[in-house]
Amino acid sequence: LIEQGRIGLDDPVTKWLPDFRPRLEDGSEPAILIRHLLTHTSGLSY
């Protein structure tokens, strides 16, 4: 989908999932990019 230009590595996840807005401990809301998800550098866990 990235090759087809339908998703961009540096697009924010909220472009597709507008309600997906996890915050940091201090309450701030950083942008999670597609590349962060694909490389497990998003700040999410298991």
All heavy atoms as atom14 arrays in JSON, in Angstrom:
{
  "sequence": "LIEQGRIGLDDPVTKWLPDFRPRLEDGSEPAILIRHLLTHTSGLSY",
  "atom14_mask": [
    [1, 1, 1, 1, 1, 1, 1, 1, 0, 0, 0, 0, 0, 0],
    [1, 1, 1, 1, 1, 1, 1, 1, 0, 0, 0, 0, 0, 0],
    [1, 1, 1, 1, 1, 1, 1, 1, 1, 0, 0, 0, 0, 0],
    [1, 1, 1, 1, 1, 1, 1, 1, 1, 0, 0, 0, 0, 0],
    [1, 1, 1, 1, 0, 0, 0, 0, 0, 0, 0, 0, 0, 0],
    [1, 1, 1, 1, 1, 1, 1, 1, 1, 1, 1, 0, 0, 0],
    [1, 1, 1, 1, 1, 1, 1, 1, 0, 0, 0, 0, 0, 0],
    [1, 1, 1, 1, 0, 0, 0, 0, 0, 0, 0, 0, 0, 0],
    [1, 1, 1, 1, 1, 1, 1, 1, 0, 0, 0, 0, 0, 0],
    [1, 1, 1, 1, 1, 1, 1, 1, 0, 0, 0, 0, 0, 0],
    [1, 1, 1, 1, 1, 1, 1, 1, 0, 0, 0, 0, 0, 0],
    [1, 1, 1, 1, 1, 1, 1, 0, 0, 0, 0, 0, 0, 0],
    [1, 1, 1, 1, 1, 1, 1, 0, 0, 0, 0, 0, 0, 0],
    [1, 1, 1, 1, 1, 1, 1, 0, 0, 0, 0, 0, 0, 0],
    [1, 1, 1, 1, 1, 1, 1, 1, 1, 0, 0, 0, 0, 0],
    [1, 1, 1, 1, 1, 1, 1, 1, 1, 1, 1, 1, 1, 1],
    [1, 1, 1, 1, 1, 1, 1, 1, 0, 0, 0, 0, 0, 0],
    [1, 1, 1, 1, 1, 1, 1, 0, 0, 0, 0, 0, 0, 0],
    [1, 1, 1, 1, 1, 1, 1, 1, 0, 0, 0, 0, 0, 0],
    [1, 1, 1, 1, 1, 1, 1, 1, 1, 1, 1, 0, 0, 0],
    [1, 1, 1, 1, 1, 1, 1, 1, 1, 1, 1, 0, 0, 0],
    [1, 1, 1, 1, 1, 1, 1, 0, 0, 0, 0, 0, 0, 0],
    [1, 1, 1, 1, 1, 1, 1, 1, 1, 1, 1, 0, 0, 0],
    [1, 1, 1, 1, 1, 1, 1, 1, 0, 0, 0, 0, 0, 0],
    [1, 1, 1, 1, 1, 1, 1, 1, 1, 0, 0, 0, 0, 0],
    [1, 1, 1, 1, 1, 1, 1, 1, 0, 0, 0, 0, 0, 0],
    [1, 1, 1, 1, 0, 0, 0, 0, 0, 0, 0, 0, 0, 0],
    [1, 1, 1, 1, 1, 1, 0, 0, 0, 0, 0, 0, 0, 0],
    [1, 1, 1, 1, 1, 1, 1, 1, 1, 0, 0, 0, 0, 0],
    [1, 1, 1, 1, 1, 1, 1, 0, 0, 0, 0, 0, 0, 0],
    [1, 1, 1, 1, 1, 0, 0, 0, 0, 0, 0, 0, 0, 0],
    [1, 1, 1, 1, 1, 1, 1, 1, 0, 0, 0, 0, 0, 0],
    [1, 1, 1, 1, 1, 1, 1, 1, 0, 0, 0, 0, 0, 0],
    [1, 1, 1, 1, 1, 1, 1, 1, 0, 0, 0, 0, 0, 0],
    [1, 1, 1, 1, 1, 1, 1, 1, 1, 1, 1, 0, 0, 0],
    [1, 1, 1, 1, 1, 1, 1, 1, 1, 1, 0, 0, 0, 0],
    [1, 1, 1, 1, 1, 1, 1, 1, 0, 0, 0, 0, 0, 0],
    [1, 1, 1, 1, 1, 1, 1, 1, 0, 0, 0, 0, 0, 0],
    [1, 1, 1, 1, 1, 1, 1, 0, 0, 0, 0, 0, 0, 0],
    [1, 1, 1, 1, 1, 1, 1, 1, 1, 1, 0, 0, 0, 0],
    [1, 1, 1, 1, 1, 1, 1, 0, 0, 0, 0, 0, 0, 0],
    [1, 1, 1, 1, 1, 1, 0, 0, 0, 0, 0, 0, 0, 0],
    [1, 1, 1, 1, 0, 0, 0, 0, 0, 0, 0, 0, 0, 0],
    [1, 1, 1, 1, 1, 1, 1, 1, 0, 0, 0, 0, 0, 0],
    [1, 1, 1, 1, 1, 1, 0, 0, 0, 0, 0, 0, 0, 0],
    [1, 1, 1, 1, 1, 1, 1, 1, 1, 1, 1, 1, 0, 0]
  ],
  "atom14_positions": [
    [[0.83, -1.2, 0.0], [0.0, 0.0, 0.0], [0.86, 1.25, 0.0], [0.5, 2.27, -0.6], [-0.93, -0.01, 1.21], [-2.0, -1.11, 1.2], [-2.75, -1.15, 2.52], [-2.98, -0.91, 0.04], [0.0, 0.0, 0.0], [0.0, 0.0, 0.0], [0.0, 0.0, 0.0], [0.0, 0.0, 0.0], [0.0, 0.0, 0.0], [0.0, 0.0, 0.0]],
    [[2.02, 1.18, 0.64], [2.95, 2.31, 0.63], [3.5, 2.52, -0.78], [3.57, 3.64, -1.28], [4.08, 2.07, 1.66], [3.52, 2.23, 3.08], [5.25, 3.03, 1.44], [4.44, 1.74, 4.18], [0.0, 0.0, 0.0], [0.0, 0.0, 0.0], [0.0, 0.0, 0.0], [0.0, 0.0, 0.0], [0.0, 0.0, 0.0], [0.0, 0.0, 0.0]],
    [[3.87, 1.42, -1.44], [4.34, 1.53, -2.83], [3.28, 2.12, -3.75], [3.6, 2.85, -4.7], [4.76, 0.16, -3.37], [6.16, -0.25, -3.0], [6.72, -1.33, -3.92], [5.95, -1.94, -4.69], [7.94, -1.55, -3.86], [0.0, 0.0, 0.0], [0.0, 0.0, 0.0], [0.0, 0.0, 0.0], [0.0, 0.0, 0.0], [0.0, 0.0, 0.0]],
    [[2.04, 1.81, -3.46], [0.94, 2.31, -4.29], [0.58, 3.76, -3.96], [-0.3, 4.33, -4.61], [-0.3, 1.41, -4.11], [-0.11, 0.0, -4.66], [-1.24, -0.94, -4.25], [-2.25, -0.52, -3.67], [-1.08, -2.22, -4.55], [0.0, 0.0, 0.0], [0.0, 0.0, 0.0], [0.0, 0.0, 0.0], [0.0, 0.0, 0.0], [0.0, 0.0, 0.0]],
    [[1.25, 4.33, -2.96], [0.99, 5.72, -2.59], [-0.26, 5.91, -1.75], [-0.71, 7.04, -1.55], [0.0, 0.0, 0.0], [0.0, 0.0, 0.0], [0.0, 0.0, 0.0], [0.0, 0.0, 0.0], [0.0, 0.0, 0.0], [0.0, 0.0, 0.0], [0.0, 0.0, 0.0], [0.0, 0.0, 0.0], [0.0, 0.0, 0.0], [0.0, 0.0, 0.0]],
    [[-0.81, 4.82, -1.22], [-2.04, 4.91, -0.45], [-1.77, 5.13, 1.04], [-2.64, 5.62, 1.77], [-2.87, 3.65, -0.66], [-3.26, 3.46, -2.12], [-3.84, 2.08, -2.39], [-5.12, 1.89, -1.72], [-5.84, 0.76, -1.81], [-5.38, -0.26, -2.53], [-6.98, 0.66, -1.18], [0.0, 0.0, 0.0], [0.0, 0.0, 0.0], [0.0, 0.0, 0.0]],
    [[-0.6, 4.75, 1.49], [-0.15, 4.97, 2.87], [1.25, 5.54, 2.79], [2.04, 5.13, 1.92], [-0.15, 3.65, 3.68], [-1.57, 3.1, 3.84], [0.49, 3.84, 5.05], [-1.63, 1.75, 4.53], [0.0, 0.0, 0.0], [0.0, 0.0, 0.0], [0.0, 0.0, 0.0], [0.0, 0.0, 0.0], [0.0, 0.0, 0.0], [0.0, 0.0, 0.0]],
    [[1.59, 6.46, 3.68], [2.94, 7.01, 3.72], [3.64, 6.65, 5.02], [3.01, 6.65, 6.09], [0.0, 0.0, 0.0], [0.0, 0.0, 0.0], [0.0, 0.0, 0.0], [0.0, 0.0, 0.0], [0.0, 0.0, 0.0], [0.0, 0.0, 0.0], [0.0, 0.0, 0.0], [0.0, 0.0, 0.0], [0.0, 0.0, 0.0], [0.0, 0.0, 0.0]],
    [[4.92, 6.32, 4.95], [5.66, 5.97, 6.15], [5.62, 7.08, 7.19], [5.64, 6.8, 8.4], [7.12, 5.66, 5.79], [7.4, 4.29, 5.18], [8.84, 4.23, 4.67], [7.16, 3.18, 6.21], [0.0, 0.0, 0.0], [0.0, 0.0, 0.0], [0.0, 0.0, 0.0], [0.0, 0.0, 0.0], [0.0, 0.0, 0.0], [0.0, 0.0, 0.0]],
    [[5.55, 8.33, 6.76], [5.57, 9.45, 7.7], [4.19, 10.06, 7.9], [4.06, 11.17, 8.44], [6.57, 10.51, 7.22], [8.0, 9.97, 7.3], [8.37, 9.42, 8.34], [8.73, 10.07, 6.29], [0.0, 0.0, 0.0], [0.0, 0.0, 0.0], [0.0, 0.0, 0.0], [0.0, 0.0, 0.0], [0.0, 0.0, 0.0], [0.0, 0.0, 0.0]],
    [[3.16, 9.32, 7.5], [1.8, 9.75, 7.79], [1.44, 9.44, 9.24], [1.85, 8.39, 9.77], [0.79, 9.02, 6.89], [0.81, 9.53, 5.47], [1.28, 10.66, 5.24], [0.35, 8.78, 4.57], [0.0, 0.0, 0.0], [0.0, 0.0, 0.0], [0.0, 0.0, 0.0], [0.0, 0.0, 0.0], [0.0, 0.0, 0.0], [0.0, 0.0, 0.0]],
    [[0.65, 10.3, 9.89], [0.19, 9.99, 11.25], [-0.9, 8.92, 11.21], [-1.71, 8.88, 10.27], [-0.36, 11.33, 11.75], [-0.79, 12.04, 10.51], [0.19, 11.63, 9.44], [0.0, 0.0, 0.0], [0.0, 0.0, 0.0], [0.0, 0.0, 0.0], [0.0, 0.0, 0.0], [0.0, 0.0, 0.0], [0.0, 0.0, 0.0], [0.0, 0.0, 0.0]],
    [[-0.91, 8.07, 12.23], [-1.91, 7.0, 12.3], [-3.33, 7.58, 12.36], [-4.28, 6.99, 11.85], [-1.63, 6.12, 13.54], [-2.71, 5.07, 13.71], [-0.27, 5.46, 13.41], [0.0, 0.0, 0.0], [0.0, 0.0, 0.0], [0.0, 0.0, 0.0], [0.0, 0.0, 0.0], [0.0, 0.0, 0.0], [0.0, 0.0, 0.0], [0.0, 0.0, 0.0]],
    [[-3.46, 8.79, 12.93], [-4.78, 9.41, 13.06], [-5.41, 9.75, 11.72], [-6.61, 10.03, 11.65], [-4.69, 10.68, 13.93], [-3.62, 11.5, 13.44], [-4.44, 10.32, 15.39], [0.0, 0.0, 0.0], [0.0, 0.0, 0.0], [0.0, 0.0, 0.0], [0.0, 0.0, 0.0], [0.0, 0.0, 0.0], [0.0, 0.0, 0.0], [0.0, 0.0, 0.0]],
    [[-4.66, 9.73, 10.65], [-5.22, 9.95, 9.31], [-6.26, 8.88, 9.01], [-7.24, 9.12, 8.3], [-4.09, 9.93, 8.27], [-4.56, 10.15, 6.84], [-3.36, 10.23, 5.89], [-3.8, 10.39, 4.43], [-2.62, 10.44, 3.51], [0.0, 0.0, 0.0], [0.0, 0.0, 0.0], [0.0, 0.0, 0.0], [0.0, 0.0, 0.0], [0.0, 0.0, 0.0]],
    [[-6.06, 7.66, 9.51], [-6.99, 6.54, 9.32], [-7.77, 6.21, 10.58], [-8.9, 5.75, 10.5], [-6.23, 5.3, 8.85], [-5.66, 5.45, 7.49], [-6.26, 5.16, 6.3], [-4.37, 5.97, 7.15], [-5.43, 5.45, 5.25], [-4.25, 5.95, 5.74], [-3.3, 6.44, 7.9], [-3.12, 6.4, 5.08], [-2.16, 6.89, 7.25], [-2.07, 6.87, 5.84]],
    [[-7.15, 6.4, 11.73], [-7.77, 6.06, 13.01], [-7.82, 7.32, 13.87], [-7.02, 7.5, 14.79], [-6.97, 4.95, 13.7], [-6.74, 3.65, 12.9], [-5.79, 2.73, 13.64], [-8.07, 2.95, 12.62], [0.0, 0.0, 0.0], [0.0, 0.0, 0.0], [0.0, 0.0, 0.0], [0.0, 0.0, 0.0], [0.0, 0.0, 0.0], [0.0, 0.0, 0.0]],
    [[-8.77, 8.22, 13.59], [-8.78, 9.53, 14.26], [-8.95, 9.47, 15.77], [-8.55, 10.41, 16.47], [-9.95, 10.25, 13.59], [-10.78, 9.18, 12.95], [-9.83, 8.1, 12.58], [0.0, 0.0, 0.0], [0.0, 0.0, 0.0], [0.0, 0.0, 0.0], [0.0, 0.0, 0.0], [0.0, 0.0, 0.0], [0.0, 0.0, 0.0], [0.0, 0.0, 0.0]],
    [[-9.52, 8.38, 16.28], [-9.72, 8.28, 17.73], [-8.55, 7.58, 18.44], [-8.57, 7.46, 19.67], [-11.01, 7.52, 18.03], [-12.24, 8.24, 17.52], [-12.22, 9.5, 17.51], [-13.21, 7.56, 17.12], [0.0, 0.0, 0.0], [0.0, 0.0, 0.0], [0.0, 0.0, 0.0], [0.0, 0.0, 0.0], [0.0, 0.0, 0.0], [0.0, 0.0, 0.0]],
    [[-7.57, 7.12, 17.66], [-6.44, 6.42, 18.29], [-5.39, 7.46, 18.7], [-4.53, 7.84, 17.9], [-5.84, 5.38, 17.34], [-4.8, 4.51, 18.0], [-5.17, 3.47, 18.83], [-3.44, 4.73, 17.78], [-4.24, 2.67, 19.46], [-2.49, 3.94, 18.4], [-2.89, 2.91, 19.24], [0.0, 0.0, 0.0], [0.0, 0.0, 0.0], [0.0, 0.0, 0.0]],
    [[-5.47, 7.91, 19.96], [-4.62, 9.0, 20.43], [-4.05, 8.71, 21.82], [-4.36, 9.42, 22.79], [-5.43, 10.3, 20.46], [-5.95, 10.73, 19.08], [-6.8, 11.98, 19.14], [-7.27, 12.38, 17.82], [-6.59, 13.16, 16.98], [-5.41, 13.65, 17.34], [-7.1, 13.45, 15.8], [0.0, 0.0, 0.0], [0.0, 0.0, 0.0], [0.0, 0.0, 0.0]],
    [[-3.23, 7.67, 21.95], [-2.6, 7.42, 23.26], [-1.68, 8.58, 23.63], [-1.07, 9.21, 22.76], [-1.82, 6.12, 23.04], [-1.62, 6.03, 21.57], [-2.79, 6.69, 20.94], [0.0, 0.0, 0.0], [0.0, 0.0, 0.0], [0.0, 0.0, 0.0], [0.0, 0.0, 0.0], [0.0, 0.0, 0.0], [0.0, 0.0, 0.0], [0.0, 0.0, 0.0]],
    [[-1.59, 8.85, 24.93], [-0.8, 9.99, 25.41], [0.41, 9.51, 26.2], [0.48, 8.35, 26.63], [-1.67, 10.89, 26.3], [-2.86, 11.51, 25.56], [-3.76, 12.3, 26.5], [-4.87, 12.87, 25.77], [-4.86, 14.07, 25.19], [-3.75, 14.82, 25.27], [-5.92, 14.53, 24.55], [0.0, 0.0, 0.0], [0.0, 0.0, 0.0], [0.0, 0.0, 0.0]],
    [[1.33, 10.4, 26.4], [2.46, 10.16, 27.29], [2.01, 10.35, 28.73], [0.92, 10.88, 28.99], [3.61, 11.1, 26.95], [4.3, 10.85, 25.59], [5.15, 12.04, 25.19], [5.14, 9.57, 25.65], [0.0, 0.0, 0.0], [0.0, 0.0, 0.0], [0.0, 0.0, 0.0], [0.0, 0.0, 0.0], [0.0, 0.0, 0.0], [0.0, 0.0, 0.0]],
    [[2.85, 9.95, 29.66], [2.52, 10.07, 31.09], [2.2, 11.51, 31.48], [1.4, 11.76, 32.38], [3.67, 9.53, 31.95], [3.8, 8.01, 31.94], [2.77, 7.32, 32.82], [1.92, 8.01, 33.4], [2.82, 6.07, 32.91], [0.0, 0.0, 0.0], [0.0, 0.0, 0.0], [0.0, 0.0, 0.0], [0.0, 0.0, 0.0], [0.0, 0.0, 0.0]],
    [[2.83, 12.47, 30.81], [2.6, 13.88, 31.17], [1.34, 14.45, 30.54], [1.04, 15.65, 30.69], [3.81, 14.74, 30.78], [4.06, 14.78, 29.26], [3.23, 14.26, 28.49], [5.1, 15.33, 28.86], [0.0, 0.0, 0.0], [0.0, 0.0, 0.0], [0.0, 0.0, 0.0], [0.0, 0.0, 0.0], [0.0, 0.0, 0.0], [0.0, 0.0, 0.0]],
    [[0.59, 13.6, 29.83], [-0.67, 14.04, 29.24], [-0.55, 14.58, 27.83], [-1.57, 14.83, 27.17], [0.0, 0.0, 0.0], [0.0, 0.0, 0.0], [0.0, 0.0, 0.0], [0.0, 0.0, 0.0], [0.0, 0.0, 0.0], [0.0, 0.0, 0.0], [0.0, 0.0, 0.0], [0.0, 0.0, 0.0], [0.0, 0.0, 0.0], [0.0, 0.0, 0.0]],
    [[0.67, 14.77, 27.33], [0.84, 15.27, 25.98], [0.54, 14.17, 24.96], [0.66, 12.98, 25.25], [2.25, 15.81, 25.77], [3.21, 14.78, 25.94], [0.0, 0.0, 0.0], [0.0, 0.0, 0.0], [0.0, 0.0, 0.0], [0.0, 0.0, 0.0], [0.0, 0.0, 0.0], [0.0, 0.0, 0.0], [0.0, 0.0, 0.0], [0.0, 0.0, 0.0]],
    [[0.13, 14.58, 23.75], [-0.27, 13.64, 22.72], [0.68, 13.73, 21.53], [0.52, 14.59, 20.66], [-1.69, 13.93, 22.25], [-2.22, 12.94, 21.22], [-3.53, 13.4, 20.62], [-4.46, 13.73, 21.37], [-3.61, 13.43, 19.36], [0.0, 0.0, 0.0], [0.0, 0.0, 0.0], [0.0, 0.0, 0.0], [0.0, 0.0, 0.0], [0.0, 0.0, 0.0]],
    [[1.68, 12.84, 21.46], [2.62, 12.89, 20.34], [2.02, 12.24, 19.1], [1.09, 11.43, 19.19], [3.81, 12.09, 20.85], [3.19, 11.06, 21.75], [2.0, 11.75, 22.4], [0.0, 0.0, 0.0], [0.0, 0.0, 0.0], [0.0, 0.0, 0.0], [0.0, 0.0, 0.0], [0.0, 0.0, 0.0], [0.0, 0.0, 0.0], [0.0, 0.0, 0.0]],
    [[2.57, 12.58, 17.95], [2.13, 11.93, 16.71], [2.81, 10.57, 16.57], [4.03, 10.46, 16.69], [2.48, 12.82, 15.52], [0.0, 0.0, 0.0], [0.0, 0.0, 0.0], [0.0, 0.0, 0.0], [0.0, 0.0, 0.0], [0.0, 0.0, 0.0], [0.0, 0.0, 0.0], [0.0, 0.0, 0.0], [0.0, 0.0, 0.0], [0.0, 0.0, 0.0]],
    [[2.0, 9.55, 16.35], [2.53, 8.22, 16.03], [2.46, 8.06, 14.52], [1.39, 8.18, 13.92], [1.73, 7.11, 16.72], [1.81, 7.25, 18.25], [2.26, 5.73, 16.3], [0.97, 6.24, 19.0], [0.0, 0.0, 0.0], [0.0, 0.0, 0.0], [0.0, 0.0, 0.0], [0.0, 0.0, 0.0], [0.0, 0.0, 0.0], [0.0, 0.0, 0.0]],
    [[3.59, 7.81, 13.89], [3.66, 7.67, 12.45], [3.61, 6.2, 12.05], [3.91, 5.31, 12.86], [4.95, 8.31, 11.91], [5.23, 9.76, 12.34], [6.54, 10.24, 11.71], [4.07, 10.67, 12.0], [0.0, 0.0, 0.0], [0.0, 0.0, 0.0], [0.0, 0.0, 0.0], [0.0, 0.0, 0.0], [0.0, 0.0, 0.0], [0.0, 0.0, 0.0]],
    [[3.28, 5.95, 10.81], [3.24, 4.57, 10.29], [4.59, 3.89, 10.49], [4.66, 2.72, 10.9], [2.84, 4.56, 8.8], [1.42, 5.1, 8.61], [2.97, 3.15, 8.23], [0.33, 4.31, 9.31], [0.0, 0.0, 0.0], [0.0, 0.0, 0.0], [0.0, 0.0, 0.0], [0.0, 0.0, 0.0], [0.0, 0.0, 0.0], [0.0, 0.0, 0.0]],
    [[5.7, 4.59, 10.25], [7.02, 3.98, 10.42], [7.26, 3.57, 11.87], [7.96, 2.6, 12.14], [8.13, 4.89, 9.91], [8.43, 6.1, 10.72], [9.75, 6.75, 10.29], [9.75, 7.21, 8.91], [10.48, 6.61, 7.95], [11.24, 5.57, 8.23], [10.46, 7.09, 6.72], [0.0, 0.0, 0.0], [0.0, 0.0, 0.0], [0.0, 0.0, 0.0]],
    [[6.71, 4.31, 12.83], [6.87, 3.94, 14.24], [6.19, 2.6, 14.52], [6.72, 1.77, 15.27], [6.26, 5.02, 15.15], [6.96, 6.33, 15.09], [6.3, 7.54, 15.2], [8.28, 6.64, 14.93], [7.17, 8.53, 15.12], [8.38, 8.01, 14.95], [0.0, 0.0, 0.0], [0.0, 0.0, 0.0], [0.0, 0.0, 0.0], [0.0, 0.0, 0.0]],
    [[5.02, 2.39, 13.93], [4.33, 1.12, 14.13], [5.1, -0.04, 13.5], [5.27, -1.1, 14.1], [2.92, 1.18, 13.52], [1.95, 2.19, 14.14], [0.62, 2.16, 13.39], [1.72, 1.91, 15.62], [0.0, 0.0, 0.0], [0.0, 0.0, 0.0], [0.0, 0.0, 0.0], [0.0, 0.0, 0.0], [0.0, 0.0, 0.0], [0.0, 0.0, 0.0]],
    [[5.6, 0.17, 12.28], [6.28, -0.91, 11.56], [7.61, -1.3, 12.18], [8.12, -2.39, 11.94], [6.5, -0.49, 10.1], [5.25, -0.41, 9.23], [5.57, 0.21, 7.88], [4.61, -1.78, 9.05], [0.0, 0.0, 0.0], [0.0, 0.0, 0.0], [0.0, 0.0, 0.0], [0.0, 0.0, 0.0], [0.0, 0.0, 0.0], [0.0, 0.0, 0.0]],
    [[8.19, -0.41, 13.0], [9.5, -0.68, 13.61], [9.41, -0.87, 15.13], [10.43, -0.99, 15.79], [10.47, 0.46, 13.31], [9.9, 1.71, 13.77], [10.78, 0.56, 11.83], [0.0, 0.0, 0.0], [0.0, 0.0, 0.0], [0.0, 0.0, 0.0], [0.0, 0.0, 0.0], [0.0, 0.0, 0.0], [0.0, 0.0, 0.0], [0.0, 0.0, 0.0]],
    [[8.21, -0.89, 15.69], [8.01, -1.05, 17.14], [8.71, 0.06, 17.94], [9.24, -0.18, 19.02], [8.48, -2.43, 17.61], [7.68, -3.55, 17.03], [6.41, -3.87, 17.46], [7.95, -4.41, 16.01], [5.93, -4.88, 16.75], [6.85, -5.22, 15.86], [0.0, 0.0, 0.0], [0.0, 0.0, 0.0], [0.0, 0.0, 0.0], [0.0, 0.0, 0.0]],
    [[8.68, 1.26, 17.4], [9.24, 2.43, 18.1], [8.14, 3.43, 18.45], [8.4, 4.62, 18.64], [10.31, 3.12, 17.23], [9.73, 3.53, 15.97], [11.49, 2.2, 16.97], [0.0, 0.0, 0.0], [0.0, 0.0, 0.0], [0.0, 0.0, 0.0], [0.0, 0.0, 0.0], [0.0, 0.0, 0.0], [0.0, 0.0, 0.0], [0.0, 0.0, 0.0]],
    [[6.9, 2.95, 18.56], [5.74, 3.83, 18.77], [5.5, 4.19, 20.23], [4.74, 5.11, 20.52], [4.48, 3.17, 18.21], [4.24, 1.96, 18.9], [0.0, 0.0, 0.0], [0.0, 0.0, 0.0], [0.0, 0.0, 0.0], [0.0, 0.0, 0.0], [0.0, 0.0, 0.0], [0.0, 0.0, 0.0], [0.0, 0.0, 0.0], [0.0, 0.0, 0.0]],
    [[6.09, 3.44, 21.16], [5.8, 3.63, 22.58], [4.71, 2.71, 23.09], [4.38, 2.73, 24.28], [0.0, 0.0, 0.0], [0.0, 0.0, 0.0], [0.0, 0.0, 0.0], [0.0, 0.0, 0.0], [0.0, 0.0, 0.0], [0.0, 0.0, 0.0], [0.0, 0.0, 0.0], [0.0, 0.0, 0.0], [0.0, 0.0, 0.0], [0.0, 0.0, 0.0]],
    [[4.15, 1.88, 22.21], [3.16, 0.87, 22.61], [3.87, -0.34, 23.21], [5.1, -0.45, 23.16], [2.31, 0.47, 21.41], [1.52, 1.59, 20.72], [0.86, 1.08, 19.45], [0.48, 2.17, 21.68], [0.0, 0.0, 0.0], [0.0, 0.0, 0.0], [0.0, 0.0, 0.0], [0.0, 0.0, 0.0], [0.0, 0.0, 0.0], [0.0, 0.0, 0.0]],
    [[3.09, -1.29, 23.74], [3.7, -2.45, 24.4], [2.83, -3.68, 24.17], [1.93, -3.68, 23.33], [3.87, -2.17, 25.9], [4.61, -3.2, 26.52], [0.0, 0.0, 0.0], [0.0, 0.0, 0.0], [0.0, 0.0, 0.0], [0.0, 0.0, 0.0], [0.0, 0.0, 0.0], [0.0, 0.0, 0.0], [0.0, 0.0, 0.0], [0.0, 0.0, 0.0]],
    [[3.11, -4.75, 24.92], [2.33, -5.98, 24.93], [2.0, -6.32, 26.38], [2.76, -5.96, 27.3], [3.14, -7.14, 24.35], [2.84, -7.51, 22.92], [3.88, -7.67, 22.0], [1.54, -7.75, 22.48], [3.63, -8.04, 20.68], [1.29, -8.13, 21.18], [2.32, -8.27, 20.28], [2.07, -8.63, 18.98], [0.0, 0.0, 0.0], [0.0, 0.0, 0.0]]
  ]
}
